[in-house]
Protein backbone atom coordinates (compact mmCIF):
# COMPACT_ATOMS: atom_id res chain seq x y z
CA UNK A 1 -15.81 -9.92 36.62
CA UNK A 2 -16.42 -12.71 39.11
CA UNK A 3 -16.36 -16.24 37.77
CA UNK A 4 -19.65 -16.96 39.54
CA UNK A 5 -21.35 -14.41 37.28
CA UNK A 6 -20.39 -16.46 34.22
CA UNK A 7 -21.47 -19.85 35.50
CA UNK A 8 -22.83 -21.48 38.64
CA UNK A 9 -20.23 -22.67 41.11
CA UNK A 10 -20.20 -26.48 41.30
CA UNK A 11 -21.75 -28.03 44.37
CA UNK A 12 -20.38 -30.93 46.43
CA UNK A 13 -21.86 -33.56 44.10
CA UNK A 14 -20.52 -31.86 40.97
CA UNK A 15 -17.07 -31.55 42.57
CA UNK A 16 -17.10 -35.23 43.45
CA UNK A 17 -18.08 -36.15 39.88
CA UNK A 18 -15.27 -33.94 38.53
CA UNK A 19 -12.76 -35.78 40.70
CA UNK A 20 -14.12 -39.11 39.47
CA UNK A 21 -13.91 -38.06 35.82
CA UNK A 22 -10.37 -36.77 36.33
CA UNK A 23 -9.35 -40.01 38.01
CA UNK A 24 -10.82 -42.10 35.19
CA UNK A 25 -9.07 -39.97 32.56
CA UNK A 26 -5.73 -40.29 34.36
CA UNK A 27 -6.21 -44.04 34.68
CA UNK A 28 -6.88 -44.35 30.93
CA UNK A 29 -3.82 -42.25 30.09
CA UNK A 30 -1.71 -44.29 32.48
CA UNK A 31 -2.90 -47.53 30.89
CA UNK A 32 -2.12 -46.25 27.38
CA UNK A 33 1.35 -45.14 28.52
CA UNK A 34 1.99 -48.52 30.13
CA UNK A 35 0.76 -50.31 26.99
CA UNK A 36 3.12 -48.31 24.76
CA UNK A 37 6.00 -48.87 27.16
CA UNK A 38 5.39 -52.62 27.36
CA UNK A 39 5.17 -52.97 23.58
CA UNK A 40 8.45 -51.10 23.18
CA UNK A 41 9.91 -53.34 25.87
CA UNK A 42 8.83 -56.47 23.98
CA UNK A 43 10.52 -55.28 20.78
CA UNK A 44 13.70 -54.24 22.60
CA UNK A 45 13.35 -50.52 21.97
CA UNK A 46 14.62 -49.67 25.46
CA UNK A 47 17.87 -51.63 25.10
CA UNK A 48 20.96 -49.58 25.81
CA UNK A 49 22.64 -50.26 22.48
CA UNK A 50 19.83 -48.44 20.69
CA UNK A 51 20.28 -45.31 22.81
CA UNK A 52 24.06 -45.19 23.23
CA UNK A 53 24.59 -43.62 19.75
CA UNK A 54 23.05 -40.41 21.09
CA UNK A 55 25.91 -40.19 23.57
CA UNK A 56 28.41 -40.15 20.69
CA UNK A 57 29.58 -36.67 19.67
CA UNK A 58 30.04 -37.78 16.05
CA UNK A 59 26.35 -38.65 15.78
CA UNK A 60 25.43 -35.12 16.84
CA UNK A 61 28.13 -33.41 14.78
CA UNK A 62 27.49 -35.39 11.58
CA UNK A 63 23.73 -36.03 11.72
CA UNK A 64 21.59 -34.26 14.30
CA UNK A 65 23.25 -30.83 14.39
CA UNK A 66 23.40 -30.51 10.55
CA UNK A 67 19.74 -31.58 10.45
CA UNK A 68 18.88 -29.02 13.12
CA UNK A 69 20.71 -26.30 11.17
CA UNK A 70 18.80 -27.27 8.03
CA UNK A 71 15.49 -27.07 9.87
CA UNK A 72 16.28 -23.73 11.50
CA UNK A 73 17.62 -22.26 8.24
CA UNK A 74 14.43 -23.12 6.34
CA UNK A 75 12.31 -21.92 9.27
CA UNK A 76 14.13 -18.60 9.70
CA UNK A 77 14.03 -17.59 6.04
CA UNK A 78 10.58 -19.10 5.45
CA UNK A 79 9.06 -17.29 8.43
CA UNK A 80 10.55 -13.92 7.42
CA UNK A 81 9.28 -14.27 3.86
CA UNK A 82 5.89 -15.57 5.06
CA UNK A 83 5.45 -12.59 7.39
CA UNK A 84 6.38 -10.15 4.61
CA UNK A 85 4.07 -11.95 2.16
CA UNK A 86 1.25 -11.97 4.70
CA UNK A 87 1.53 -8.26 5.51
CA UNK A 88 1.70 -7.20 1.86
CA UNK A 89 -1.24 -9.28 0.70
CA UNK A 90 -3.33 -8.55 3.80
CA UNK A 91 -2.97 -4.82 3.16
CA UNK A 92 -3.61 -5.37 -0.54
CA UNK A 93 -6.75 -7.38 0.14
CA UNK A 94 -8.00 -4.67 2.50
CA UNK A 95 -7.47 -1.97 -0.11
CA UNK A 96 -10.51 0.00 -1.21
CA UNK A 97 -9.37 -0.27 -4.83
CA UNK A 98 -10.81 -3.36 -6.47
CA UNK A 99 -7.92 -3.51 -8.93
CA UNK A 100 -5.67 -4.27 -5.94
CA UNK A 101 -7.93 -6.14 -3.53
CA UNK A 102 -9.34 -8.67 -6.03
CA UNK A 103 -5.96 -9.93 -7.39
CA UNK A 104 -4.58 -10.10 -3.84
CA UNK A 105 -7.62 -12.09 -2.74
CA UNK A 106 -7.20 -14.51 -5.65
CA UNK A 107 -3.52 -15.06 -4.81
CA UNK A 108 -4.21 -15.66 -1.11
CA UNK A 109 -7.09 -18.06 -1.70
CA UNK A 110 -5.16 -19.92 -4.42
CA UNK A 111 -2.04 -20.63 -2.36
CA UNK A 112 -4.08 -21.26 0.79
CA UNK A 113 -6.02 -24.00 -1.00
CA UNK A 114 -3.04 -25.96 -2.37
CA UNK A 115 -1.29 -28.54 -0.14
CA UNK A 116 2.13 -27.28 0.83
CA UNK A 117 3.91 -30.44 -0.30
CA UNK A 118 2.42 -29.98 -3.76
CA UNK A 119 3.70 -26.40 -3.79
CA UNK A 120 7.19 -27.61 -2.92
CA UNK A 121 7.06 -30.24 -5.68
CA UNK A 122 5.84 -27.68 -8.21
CA UNK A 123 8.55 -25.14 -7.34
CA UNK A 124 11.27 -27.79 -7.34
CA UNK A 125 10.40 -29.31 -10.71
CA UNK A 126 9.64 -25.92 -12.25
CA UNK A 127 13.16 -24.61 -11.71
CA UNK A 128 14.78 -26.33 -14.74
CA UNK A 129 12.12 -24.91 -17.06
CA UNK A 130 13.05 -21.43 -15.77
CA UNK A 131 16.71 -22.02 -16.50
CA UNK A 132 17.65 -22.49 -12.84
CA UNK A 133 20.33 -25.20 -12.89
CA UNK A 134 21.18 -26.85 -10.60
CA UNK A 135 17.81 -26.99 -8.92
CA UNK A 136 17.71 -25.97 -5.27
CA UNK A 137 15.79 -28.09 -2.78
CA UNK A 138 16.30 -25.42 -0.13
CA UNK A 139 14.50 -22.73 -2.11
CA UNK A 140 11.73 -25.12 -3.07
CA UNK A 141 11.11 -25.77 0.63
CA UNK A 142 11.41 -22.10 1.65
CA UNK A 143 9.16 -20.76 -1.10
CA UNK A 144 6.57 -23.45 -0.42
CA UNK A 145 6.57 -22.45 3.25
CA UNK A 146 6.31 -18.78 2.31
CA UNK A 147 3.40 -19.12 -0.10
CA UNK A 148 1.19 -21.31 2.06
CA UNK A 149 1.89 -19.88 5.51
CA UNK A 150 2.07 -16.33 4.17
CA UNK A 151 -1.45 -16.74 2.76
CA UNK A 152 -2.71 -17.97 6.13
CA UNK A 153 -1.00 -15.06 7.93
CA UNK A 154 -2.60 -12.63 5.47
CA UNK A 155 -6.02 -13.98 6.44
CA UNK A 156 -5.15 -13.75 10.14
CA UNK A 157 -4.17 -10.09 9.79
CA UNK A 158 -7.24 -9.31 7.68
CA UNK A 159 -9.46 -10.90 10.33
CA UNK A 160 -7.72 -8.83 13.01
CA UNK A 161 -8.36 -5.60 11.13
CA UNK A 162 -12.03 -6.48 10.53
CA UNK A 163 -12.43 -7.27 14.24
CA UNK A 164 -11.54 -3.69 15.23
CA UNK A 165 -14.40 -1.25 15.91
CA UNK A 166 -15.47 0.76 12.86
CA UNK A 167 -14.99 3.90 14.89
CA UNK A 168 -11.22 3.49 14.56
CA UNK A 169 -11.38 4.10 10.82
CA UNK A 170 -13.95 6.86 11.14
CA UNK A 171 -11.86 8.68 13.76
CA UNK A 172 -8.77 8.51 11.58
CA UNK A 173 -10.67 9.86 8.58
CA UNK A 174 -12.16 12.63 10.73
CA UNK A 175 -8.72 14.03 11.59
CA UNK A 176 -7.72 14.09 7.92
CA UNK A 177 -5.78 10.84 7.53
CA UNK A 178 -5.88 9.01 4.23
CA UNK A 179 -7.02 5.38 4.09
CA UNK A 180 -3.40 4.27 3.77
CA UNK A 181 -2.35 6.29 6.81
CA UNK A 182 -5.28 4.93 8.82
CA UNK A 183 -4.29 1.39 7.88
CA UNK A 184 -0.60 1.93 8.64
CA UNK A 185 -0.78 3.97 11.84
CA UNK A 186 -4.05 2.88 13.47
CA UNK A 187 -5.45 -0.42 12.24
CA UNK A 188 -2.42 -2.61 11.52
CA UNK A 189 -0.62 -2.02 14.87
CA UNK A 190 -3.76 -2.93 16.81
CA UNK A 191 -4.59 -5.90 14.58
CA UNK A 192 -1.09 -7.34 14.81
CA UNK A 193 -1.08 -6.92 18.58
CA UNK A 194 -4.42 -8.70 18.98
CA UNK A 195 -3.61 -11.41 16.42
CA UNK A 196 -0.05 -12.03 17.66
CA UNK A 197 -0.90 -15.37 19.36
CA UNK A 198 -2.48 -16.65 16.13
CA UNK A 199 0.50 -15.44 14.07
CA UNK A 200 2.96 -17.17 16.41
CA UNK A 201 0.86 -20.33 16.30
CA UNK A 202 1.13 -20.27 12.50
CA UNK A 203 4.92 -19.88 12.78
CA UNK A 204 4.96 -22.99 14.97
CA UNK A 205 3.10 -24.79 12.18
CA UNK A 206 5.70 -23.46 9.73
CA UNK A 207 8.50 -24.86 11.87
CA UNK A 208 6.94 -28.31 11.85
CA UNK A 209 6.18 -28.09 8.12
CA UNK A 210 9.90 -27.89 7.36
CA UNK A 211 9.81 -31.68 7.83
CA UNK A 212 7.99 -31.93 4.48
CA UNK A 213 11.31 -31.15 2.83
CA UNK A 214 12.28 -34.72 3.69
CA UNK A 215 10.16 -35.91 0.76
CA UNK A 216 12.29 -33.84 -1.64
CA UNK A 217 15.52 -34.98 -0.02
CA UNK A 218 16.19 -31.82 1.96
CA UNK A 219 18.59 -32.42 4.85
CA UNK A 220 16.64 -31.55 7.99
CA UNK A 221 15.82 -33.22 11.30
CA UNK A 222 13.31 -35.76 10.03
CA UNK A 223 15.67 -36.96 7.30
CA UNK A 224 18.26 -37.76 9.97
CA UNK A 225 15.90 -40.32 11.52
CA UNK A 226 16.29 -42.49 8.42
CA UNK A 227 20.07 -42.03 8.53
CA UNK A 228 20.20 -43.05 12.18
CA UNK A 229 17.99 -46.07 11.56
CA UNK A 230 20.18 -47.14 8.65
CA UNK A 231 23.35 -46.87 10.73
CA UNK A 232 22.18 -48.12 14.13
CA UNK A 233 18.78 -49.81 13.48
CA UNK A 234 17.10 -47.65 16.12
CA UNK A 235 14.12 -46.12 14.35
CA UNK A 236 11.93 -45.61 17.44
CA UNK A 237 14.67 -44.10 19.68
CA UNK A 238 15.76 -41.81 16.81
CA UNK A 239 12.18 -40.67 16.25
CA UNK A 240 11.73 -40.02 19.98
CA UNK A 241 14.92 -37.94 20.18
CA UNK A 242 14.00 -35.89 17.10
CA UNK A 243 10.46 -35.38 18.46
CA UNK A 244 11.96 -34.08 21.72
CA UNK A 245 14.10 -31.64 19.74
CA UNK A 246 10.98 -30.38 17.94
CA UNK A 247 9.19 -30.02 21.30
CA UNK A 248 12.10 -27.98 22.69
CA UNK A 249 12.15 -25.72 19.61
CA UNK A 250 8.40 -25.14 19.78
CA UNK A 251 8.60 -24.45 23.52
CA UNK A 252 11.33 -21.86 22.98
CA UNK A 253 9.27 -20.25 20.20
CA UNK A 254 6.25 -20.16 22.50
CA UNK A 255 8.27 -18.49 25.28
CA UNK A 256 9.58 -15.89 22.83
CA UNK A 257 6.02 -15.29 21.65
CA UNK A 258 4.82 -14.77 25.23
CA UNK A 259 7.66 -12.32 25.85
CA UNK A 260 6.88 -10.35 22.67
CA UNK A 261 3.17 -10.31 23.50
CA UNK A 262 3.90 -9.03 27.00
CA UNK A 263 6.15 -6.30 25.62
CA UNK A 264 3.60 -5.15 23.06
CA UNK A 265 0.84 -5.05 25.67
CA UNK A 266 2.97 -2.89 27.99
CA UNK A 267 3.92 -0.55 25.17
CA UNK A 268 0.33 -0.34 23.96
CA UNK A 269 -0.96 0.99 27.30
CA UNK A 270 0.08 4.37 28.72
CA UNK A 271 -0.64 5.94 32.06
CA UNK A 272 -1.97 9.16 30.54
CA UNK A 273 -1.23 11.88 28.00
CA UNK A 274 2.38 12.13 26.92
CA UNK A 275 4.21 14.72 28.98
CA UNK A 276 1.46 15.07 31.57
CA UNK A 277 3.73 13.95 34.39
CA UNK A 278 6.35 16.58 33.42
CA UNK A 279 3.94 19.49 32.90
CA UNK A 280 4.15 21.83 35.93
CA UNK A 281 0.71 23.27 35.17
CA UNK A 282 -0.82 19.78 35.34
CA UNK A 283 1.01 19.04 38.60
CA UNK A 284 0.06 22.28 40.34
CA UNK A 285 -3.48 22.73 38.98
CA UNK A 286 -5.99 22.82 41.87
CA UNK A 287 -8.87 20.42 42.03
CA UNK A 288 -11.91 22.51 41.24
CA UNK A 289 -14.47 19.74 41.65
CA UNK A 290 -18.05 20.84 40.81
CA UNK A 291 -17.92 24.27 42.38
CA UNK A 292 -17.31 26.27 39.22
CA UNK A 293 -19.93 28.67 37.87
CA UNK A 294 -22.14 27.67 34.99
């Protein structure tokens, strides 16, 4: 569809105004950047002695790399558990049996409504009462990530299934599939494919939420900023370096998401019926057009 069908093409005056607005916006951004830079310059944040620690291998081996491993460990396990939690409770909430759908809905809405940091606190301080000694900060962080983000992913998947045409379910039932088979073989694959960008976006949120473990004392990237500031008195440079690491991680996750989405879209589209290209009858069948008898 042509873009001109959706909206009127801007004329010369509108184009000129767009250039003016863009120039003003760039000028404002440039001024803010200069203001931040000058303030950092006044407080000596750009001095070499505050940045030279990041050229020391011991700083990376003893602080940043262990923090990065802690962040990635909590993210990897938390994301796997959140995806599993989301799939299970999304399917449960979509069940036609009220005895399954209502409890699943209560669980999802409950954990989706509680702040994640509060979940982590609750899990951490609940462990001694369950006989879990010593208490594990790692599992408090991971389970908090799982419960909150898994509930959000469950809602994303449920929304994806509800967005599909009703004819998908009716067609599956017409060929004799049970409701579970329709959900598993028809609805979920399409819903996950369409909701994949939203699911990946939630995993990016999960990656950043690992920083909440800092409040409990979990050793991850954000906690290393305090360590660096205590050793080298370079809070702002340490925060900038850690922020750049987070940006790189999120960029890599976004690239992986784009690759997965591209793969699923190619797999989801076929050129025709399976085996049609190899069927000699299909290859040699003459084109009859409209000349056949009625």
